[in-house]
Amino acid sequence: MKKLSYLLTGAFIGAAVMLTTSVYGADIAALVGKKVQGETEIVVAGIPVEKAIIIDGKSYAPVRSIAEMGGFEVDFVDKKILMNQKDDGESASSNNGAPDSVTDDSNVAVANELDELNQKISDKRKEVDIVWEQAAQIQHDAIRNQTNPTPEKVAEYNKLKAEHEKLSAELAELEAQKAELE
């Protein structure tokens, strides 16, 4: 798993270096005065790192941020970007002794869990809204007709009200879980 992580990180950094070095050379003069068309977020192993800018349909990424995220040391010497793999000791010590891949896996798991919770919260809010609208419709009908609601309508309203309270409690629990992860 760790080797795959290094392979993917190396491929990504290699692509970023190729892109950046071509920009630094002759292309840098061509970029002066160009309009930035947009930004895009760079995510490495599920972790947002930095933003890349888009000029003339090409993305320009910050090499240092990406390389350091992949465990590389970055230096700028004689108009060259030098990237070297950090020692295993130095790489591990940056996370309180935990190997980088363990921390990255943990961050990915937390990010995935947050995504799932956000989806569940969104779905639960929709359920709460639907139930609330149904209960409100029963009240509205009774007011509009200026009559006492039938026992069936009262029972339906009470059932919807209980369901609304249950769904609201479930929503609060999901939001508490999300707060713990964040």
C-alpha atoms as a PDB file:
ATOM      1  CA  MET A   1       0.000   0.000   0.000  1.00  0.00           C
ATOM      2  CA  LYS A   2       2.849   2.326   0.910  1.00  0.00           C
ATOM      3  CA  LYS A   3       4.637   1.592  -2.369  1.00  0.00           C
ATOM      4  CA  LEU A   4       1.478   2.368  -4.313  1.00  0.00           C
ATOM      5  CA  SER A   5       1.161   5.617  -2.381  1.00  0.00           C
ATOM      6  CA  TYR A   6       4.748   6.566  -3.284  1.00  0.00           C
ATOM      7  CA  LEU A   7       4.196   5.582  -6.905  1.00  0.00           C
ATOM      8  CA  LEU A   8       1.060   7.707  -7.240  1.00  0.00           C
ATOM      9  CA  THR A   9       2.620  10.614  -5.388  1.00  0.00           C
ATOM     10  CA  GLY A  10       5.718  10.391  -7.588  1.00  0.00           C
ATOM     11  CA  ALA A  11       3.640  10.354 -10.768  1.00  0.00           C
ATOM     12  CA  PHE A  12       1.620  13.352  -9.629  1.00  0.00           C
ATOM     13  CA  ILE A  13       4.700  15.307  -8.601  1.00  0.00           C
ATOM     14  CA  GLY A  14       6.444  14.393 -11.849  1.00  0.00           C
ATOM     15  CA  ALA A  15       3.515  15.777 -13.803  1.00  0.00           C
ATOM     16  CA  ALA A  16       3.521  18.929 -11.683  1.00  0.00           C
ATOM     17  CA  VAL A  17       7.273  19.411 -12.186  1.00  0.00           C
ATOM     18  CA  MET A  18       6.992  18.954 -15.946  1.00  0.00           C
ATOM     19  CA  LEU A  19       4.206  21.502 -16.045  1.00  0.00           C
ATOM     20  CA  THR A  20       5.998  23.957 -13.765  1.00  0.00           C
ATOM     21  CA  THR A  21       9.402  23.697 -15.378  1.00  0.00           C
ATOM     22  CA  SER A  22       7.963  24.363 -18.819  1.00  0.00           C
ATOM     23  CA  VAL A  23       6.198  27.391 -17.415  1.00  0.00           C
ATOM     24  CA  TYR A  24       9.347  28.673 -15.782  1.00  0.00           C
ATOM     25  CA  GLY A  25      11.359  28.542 -18.967  1.00  0.00           C
ATOM     26  CA  ALA A  26      10.332  30.254 -22.176  1.00  0.00           C
ATOM     27  CA  ASP A  27       6.633  30.109 -21.347  1.00  0.00           C
ATOM     28  CA  ILE A  28       6.946  32.470 -18.399  1.00  0.00           C
ATOM     29  CA  ALA A  29       7.256  35.471 -20.686  1.00  0.00           C
ATOM     30  CA  ALA A  30       4.128  34.377 -22.532  1.00  0.00           C
ATOM     31  CA  LEU A  31       2.145  34.350 -19.259  1.00  0.00           C
ATOM     32  CA  VAL A  32       2.886  37.942 -18.345  1.00  0.00           C
ATOM     33  CA  GLY A  33      -0.295  39.947 -18.700  1.00  0.00           C
ATOM     34  CA  LYS A  34      -2.483  36.871 -19.242  1.00  0.00           C
ATOM     35  CA  LYS A  35      -5.793  36.682 -17.471  1.00  0.00           C
ATOM     36  CA  VAL A  36      -6.328  33.959 -14.881  1.00  0.00           C
ATOM     37  CA  GLN A  37      -9.428  32.130 -16.110  1.00  0.00           C
ATOM     38  CA  GLY A  38     -10.154  30.306 -12.894  1.00  0.00           C
ATOM     39  CA  GLU A  39      -8.912  28.298  -9.973  1.00  0.00           C
ATOM     40  CA  THR A  40      -9.207  24.645  -9.130  1.00  0.00           C
ATOM     41  CA  GLU A  41      -8.588  22.849  -5.871  1.00  0.00           C
ATOM     42  CA  ILE A  42      -5.746  20.338  -5.670  1.00  0.00           C
ATOM     43  CA  VAL A  43      -6.519  17.291  -3.567  1.00  0.00           C
ATOM     44  CA  VAL A  44      -3.787  14.769  -2.735  1.00  0.00           C
ATOM     45  CA  ALA A  45      -4.912  11.489  -1.181  1.00  0.00           C
ATOM     46  CA  GLY A  46      -8.244  13.053  -0.282  1.00  0.00           C
ATOM     47  CA  ILE A  47      -6.670  16.040   1.458  1.00  0.00           C
ATOM     48  CA  PRO A  48      -7.101  19.547   0.012  1.00  0.00           C
ATOM     49  CA  VAL A  49      -3.630  21.002  -0.465  1.00  0.00           C
ATOM     50  CA  GLU A  50      -3.722  24.224  -2.415  1.00  0.00           C
ATOM     51  CA  LYS A  51      -5.359  25.875  -5.404  1.00  0.00           C
ATOM     52  CA  ALA A  52      -4.038  25.810  -8.946  1.00  0.00           C
ATOM     53  CA  ILE A  53      -4.718  28.617 -11.396  1.00  0.00           C
ATOM     54  CA  ILE A  54      -5.941  28.121 -14.937  1.00  0.00           C
ATOM     55  CA  ILE A  55      -4.487  30.231 -17.748  1.00  0.00           C
ATOM     56  CA  ASP A  56      -5.293  29.500 -21.390  1.00  0.00           C
ATOM     57  CA  GLY A  57      -6.799  26.149 -20.429  1.00  0.00           C
ATOM     58  CA  LYS A  58      -3.696  24.939 -18.539  1.00  0.00           C
ATOM     59  CA  SER A  59      -3.514  24.376 -14.788  1.00  0.00           C
ATOM     60  CA  TYR A  60      -0.502  25.803 -12.970  1.00  0.00           C
ATOM     61  CA  ALA A  61       0.051  24.121  -9.633  1.00  0.00           C
ATOM     62  CA  PRO A  62       2.288  25.172  -6.718  1.00  0.00           C
ATOM     63  CA  VAL A  63       5.050  22.574  -6.768  1.00  0.00           C
ATOM     64  CA  ARG A  64       6.288  23.143  -3.205  1.00  0.00           C
ATOM     65  CA  SER A  65       2.934  22.434  -1.546  1.00  0.00           C
ATOM     66  CA  ILE A  66       2.317  19.303  -3.565  1.00  0.00           C
ATOM     67  CA  ALA A  67       5.860  17.973  -3.271  1.00  0.00           C
ATOM     68  CA  GLU A  68       6.020  18.517   0.500  1.00  0.00           C
ATOM     69  CA  MET A  69       2.684  16.743   0.834  1.00  0.00           C
ATOM     70  CA  GLY A  70       4.282  13.791  -0.951  1.00  0.00           C
ATOM     71  CA  GLY A  71       7.264  13.708   1.399  1.00  0.00           C
ATOM     72  CA  PHE A  72       9.757  15.642  -0.726  1.00  0.00           C
ATOM     73  CA  GLU A  73      12.060  18.478   0.260  1.00  0.00           C
ATOM     74  CA  VAL A  74      11.946  21.350  -2.208  1.00  0.00           C
ATOM     75  CA  ASP A  75      14.736  23.847  -2.908  1.00  0.00           C
ATOM     76  CA  PHE A  76      15.091  26.564  -5.518  1.00  0.00           C
ATOM     77  CA  VAL A  77      18.715  26.805  -6.657  1.00  0.00           C
ATOM     78  CA  ASP A  78      20.113  28.473  -9.790  1.00  0.00           C
ATOM     79  CA  LYS A  79      16.662  28.900 -11.351  1.00  0.00           C
ATOM     80  CA  LYS A  80      15.930  25.201 -10.840  1.00  0.00           C
ATOM     81  CA  ILE A  81      13.438  23.484  -8.608  1.00  0.00           C
ATOM     82  CA  LEU A  82      15.151  20.641  -6.776  1.00  0.00           C
ATOM     83  CA  MET A  83      13.017  17.946  -5.153  1.00  0.00           C
ATOM     84  CA  ASN A  84      14.527  15.205  -2.994  1.00  0.00           C
ATOM     85  CA  GLN A  85      12.793  12.432  -1.062  1.00  0.00           C
ATOM     86  CA  LYS A  86      12.944  13.076   2.687  1.00  0.00           C
ATOM     87  CA  ASP A  87      14.660  10.546   4.949  1.00  0.00           C
ATOM     88  CA  ASP A  88      12.320   7.986   6.471  1.00  0.00           C
ATOM     89  CA  GLY A  89      13.174   9.313   9.925  1.00  0.00           C
ATOM     90  CA  GLU A  90      12.387  12.905   9.001  1.00  0.00           C
ATOM     91  CA  SER A  91       9.220  11.944   7.181  1.00  0.00           C
ATOM     92  CA  ALA A  92       7.910   9.872  10.072  1.00  0.00           C
ATOM     93  CA  SER A  93       8.762  12.466  12.726  1.00  0.00           C
ATOM     94  CA  SER A  94       6.549  15.076  11.101  1.00  0.00           C
ATOM     95  CA  ASN A  95       3.461  13.159  12.275  1.00  0.00           C
ATOM     96  CA  ASN A  96       4.449  12.420  15.877  1.00  0.00           C
ATOM     97  CA  GLY A  97       6.182   9.215  14.879  1.00  0.00           C
ATOM     98  CA  ALA A  98       3.387   7.884  12.683  1.00  0.00           C
ATOM     99  CA  PRO A  99       4.364   6.991   9.122  1.00  0.00           C
ATOM    100  CA  ASP A 100       3.032   9.363   6.485  1.00  0.00           C
ATOM    101  CA  SER A 101       0.916   6.680   4.825  1.00  0.00           C
ATOM    102  CA  VAL A 102      -0.909   5.924   8.087  1.00  0.00           C
ATOM    103  CA  THR A 103      -1.697   9.594   8.619  1.00  0.00           C
ATOM    104  CA  ASP A 104      -2.748   9.995   4.974  1.00  0.00           C
ATOM    105  CA  ASP A 105      -4.990   6.929   5.217  1.00  0.00           C
ATOM    106  CA  SER A 106      -6.533   8.330   8.398  1.00  0.00           C
ATOM    107  CA  ASN A 107      -7.138  11.690   6.753  1.00  0.00           C
ATOM    108  CA  VAL A 108      -8.725  10.018   3.733  1.00  0.00           C
ATOM    109  CA  ALA A 109     -10.951   7.913   5.983  1.00  0.00           C
ATOM    110  CA  VAL A 110     -12.044  11.002   7.925  1.00  0.00           C
ATOM    111  CA  ALA A 111     -12.696  12.922   4.699  1.00  0.00           C
ATOM    112  CA  ASN A 112     -14.762  10.019   3.344  1.00  0.00           C
ATOM    113  CA  GLU A 113     -16.694   9.750   6.594  1.00  0.00           C
ATOM    114  CA  LEU A 114     -17.372  13.502   6.508  1.00  0.00           C
ATOM    115  CA  ASP A 115     -18.653  13.222   2.934  1.00  0.00           C
ATOM    116  CA  GLU A 116     -20.974  10.392   3.945  1.00  0.00           C
ATOM    117  CA  LEU A 117     -22.225  12.343   6.963  1.00  0.00           C
ATOM    118  CA  ASN A 118     -22.842  15.442   4.859  1.00  0.00           C
ATOM    119  CA  GLN A 119     -24.915  13.355   2.442  1.00  0.00           C
ATOM    120  CA  LYS A 120     -26.859  11.762   5.300  1.00  0.00           C
ATOM    121  CA  ILE A 121     -27.471  15.197   6.851  1.00  0.00           C
ATOM    122  CA  SER A 122     -28.711  16.551   3.530  1.00  0.00           C
ATOM    123  CA  ASP A 123     -31.037  13.578   3.060  1.00  0.00           C
ATOM    124  CA  LYS A 124     -32.309  13.815   6.639  1.00  0.00           C
ATOM    125  CA  ARG A 125     -33.023  17.548   6.252  1.00  0.00           C
ATOM    126  CA  LYS A 126     -35.115  16.764   3.181  1.00  0.00           C
ATOM    127  CA  GLU A 127     -37.058  14.143   5.142  1.00  0.00           C
ATOM    128  CA  VAL A 128     -37.632  16.606   8.004  1.00  0.00           C
ATOM    129  CA  ASP A 129     -38.852  19.265   5.570  1.00  0.00           C
ATOM    130  CA  ILE A 130     -41.261  16.879   3.826  1.00  0.00           C
ATOM    131  CA  VAL A 131     -42.794  15.699   7.101  1.00  0.00           C
ATOM    132  CA  TRP A 132     -43.053  19.269   8.361  1.00  0.00           C
ATOM    133  CA  GLU A 133     -44.781  20.381   5.161  1.00  0.00           C
ATOM    134  CA  GLN A 134     -47.281  17.522   5.417  1.00  0.00           C
ATOM    135  CA  ALA A 135     -48.118  18.418   9.035  1.00  0.00           C
ATOM    136  CA  ALA A 136     -48.391  22.088   8.126  1.00  0.00           C
ATOM    137  CA  GLN A 137     -50.759  21.215   5.280  1.00  0.00           C
ATOM    138  CA  ILE A 138     -53.121  19.474   7.731  1.00  0.00           C
ATOM    139  CA  GLN A 139     -53.113  22.570   9.943  1.00  0.00           C
ATOM    140  CA  HIS A 140     -53.624  24.840   6.970  1.00  0.00           C
ATOM    141  CA  ASP A 141     -56.578  22.800   5.712  1.00  0.00           C
ATOM    142  CA  ALA A 142     -58.263  22.926   9.128  1.00  0.00           C
ATOM    143  CA  ILE A 143     -57.809  26.688   9.356  1.00  0.00           C
ATOM    144  CA  ARG A 144     -58.949  27.279   5.784  1.00  0.00           C
ATOM    145  CA  ASN A 145     -62.091  25.170   6.239  1.00  0.00           C
ATOM    146  CA  GLN A 146     -62.740  26.682   9.666  1.00  0.00           C
ATOM    147  CA  THR A 147     -63.798  23.318  10.960  1.00  0.00           C
ATOM    148  CA  ASN A 148     -62.452  20.962  13.538  1.00  0.00           C
ATOM    149  CA  PRO A 149     -60.266  18.346  11.930  1.00  0.00           C
ATOM    150  CA  THR A 150     -61.556  14.810  11.795  1.00  0.00           C
ATOM    151  CA  PRO A 151     -60.116  12.298  14.281  1.00  0.00           C
ATOM    152  CA  GLU A 152     -58.245  10.704  11.381  1.00  0.00           C
ATOM    153  CA  LYS A 153     -56.616  14.034  10.503  1.00  0.00           C
ATOM    154  CA  VAL A 154     -55.714  14.634  14.162  1.00  0.00           C
ATOM    155  CA  ALA A 155     -54.152  11.164  14.328  1.00  0.00           C
ATOM    156  CA  GLU A 156     -52.279  11.782  11.059  1.00  0.00           C
ATOM    157  CA  TYR A 157     -51.034  15.150  12.342  1.00  0.00           C
ATOM    158  CA  ASN A 158     -49.865  13.610  15.646  1.00  0.00           C
ATOM    159  CA  LYS A 159     -48.097  10.823  13.737  1.00  0.00           C
ATOM    160  CA  LEU A 160     -46.351  13.372  11.487  1.00  0.00           C
ATOM    161  CA  LYS A 161     -45.416  15.501  14.491  1.00  0.00           C
ATOM    162  CA  ALA A 162     -43.869  12.471  16.236  1.00  0.00           C
ATOM    163  CA  GLU A 163     -42.023  11.513  13.055  1.00  0.00           C
ATOM    164  CA  HIS A 164     -40.767  15.091  12.716  1.00  0.00           C
ATOM    165  CA  GLU A 165     -39.402  15.010  16.276  1.00  0.00           C
ATOM    166  CA  LYS A 166     -37.728  11.628  15.634  1.00  0.00           C
ATOM    167  CA  LEU A 167     -36.150  12.821  12.367  1.00  0.00           C
ATOM    168  CA  SER A 168     -35.013  16.068  14.015  1.00  0.00           C
ATOM    169  CA  ALA A 169     -33.307  14.065  16.769  1.00  0.00           C
ATOM    170  CA  GLU A 170     -31.594  11.869  14.150  1.00  0.00           C
ATOM    171  CA  LEU A 171     -30.470  15.007  12.305  1.00  0.00           C
ATOM    172  CA  ALA A 172     -29.038  16.460  15.521  1.00  0.00           C
ATOM    173  CA  GLU A 173     -27.147  13.206  16.130  1.00  0.00           C
ATOM    174  CA  LEU A 174     -25.662  13.272  12.603  1.00  0.00           C
ATOM    175  CA  GLU A 175     -24.604  16.894  13.039  1.00  0.00           C
ATOM    176  CA  ALA A 176     -22.968  16.022  16.390  1.00  0.00           C
ATOM    177  CA  GLN A 177     -21.041  13.200  14.692  1.00  0.00           C
ATOM    178  CA  LYS A 178     -19.915  15.638  11.996  1.00  0.00           C
ATOM    179  CA  ALA A 179     -18.785  18.164  14.616  1.00  0.00           C
ATOM    180  CA  GLU A 180     -16.673  15.470  16.327  1.00  0.00           C
ATOM    181  CA  LEU A 181     -14.917  14.624  13.050  1.00  0.00           C
ATOM    182  CA  GLU A 182     -14.214  18.233  12.176  1.00  0.00           C
END
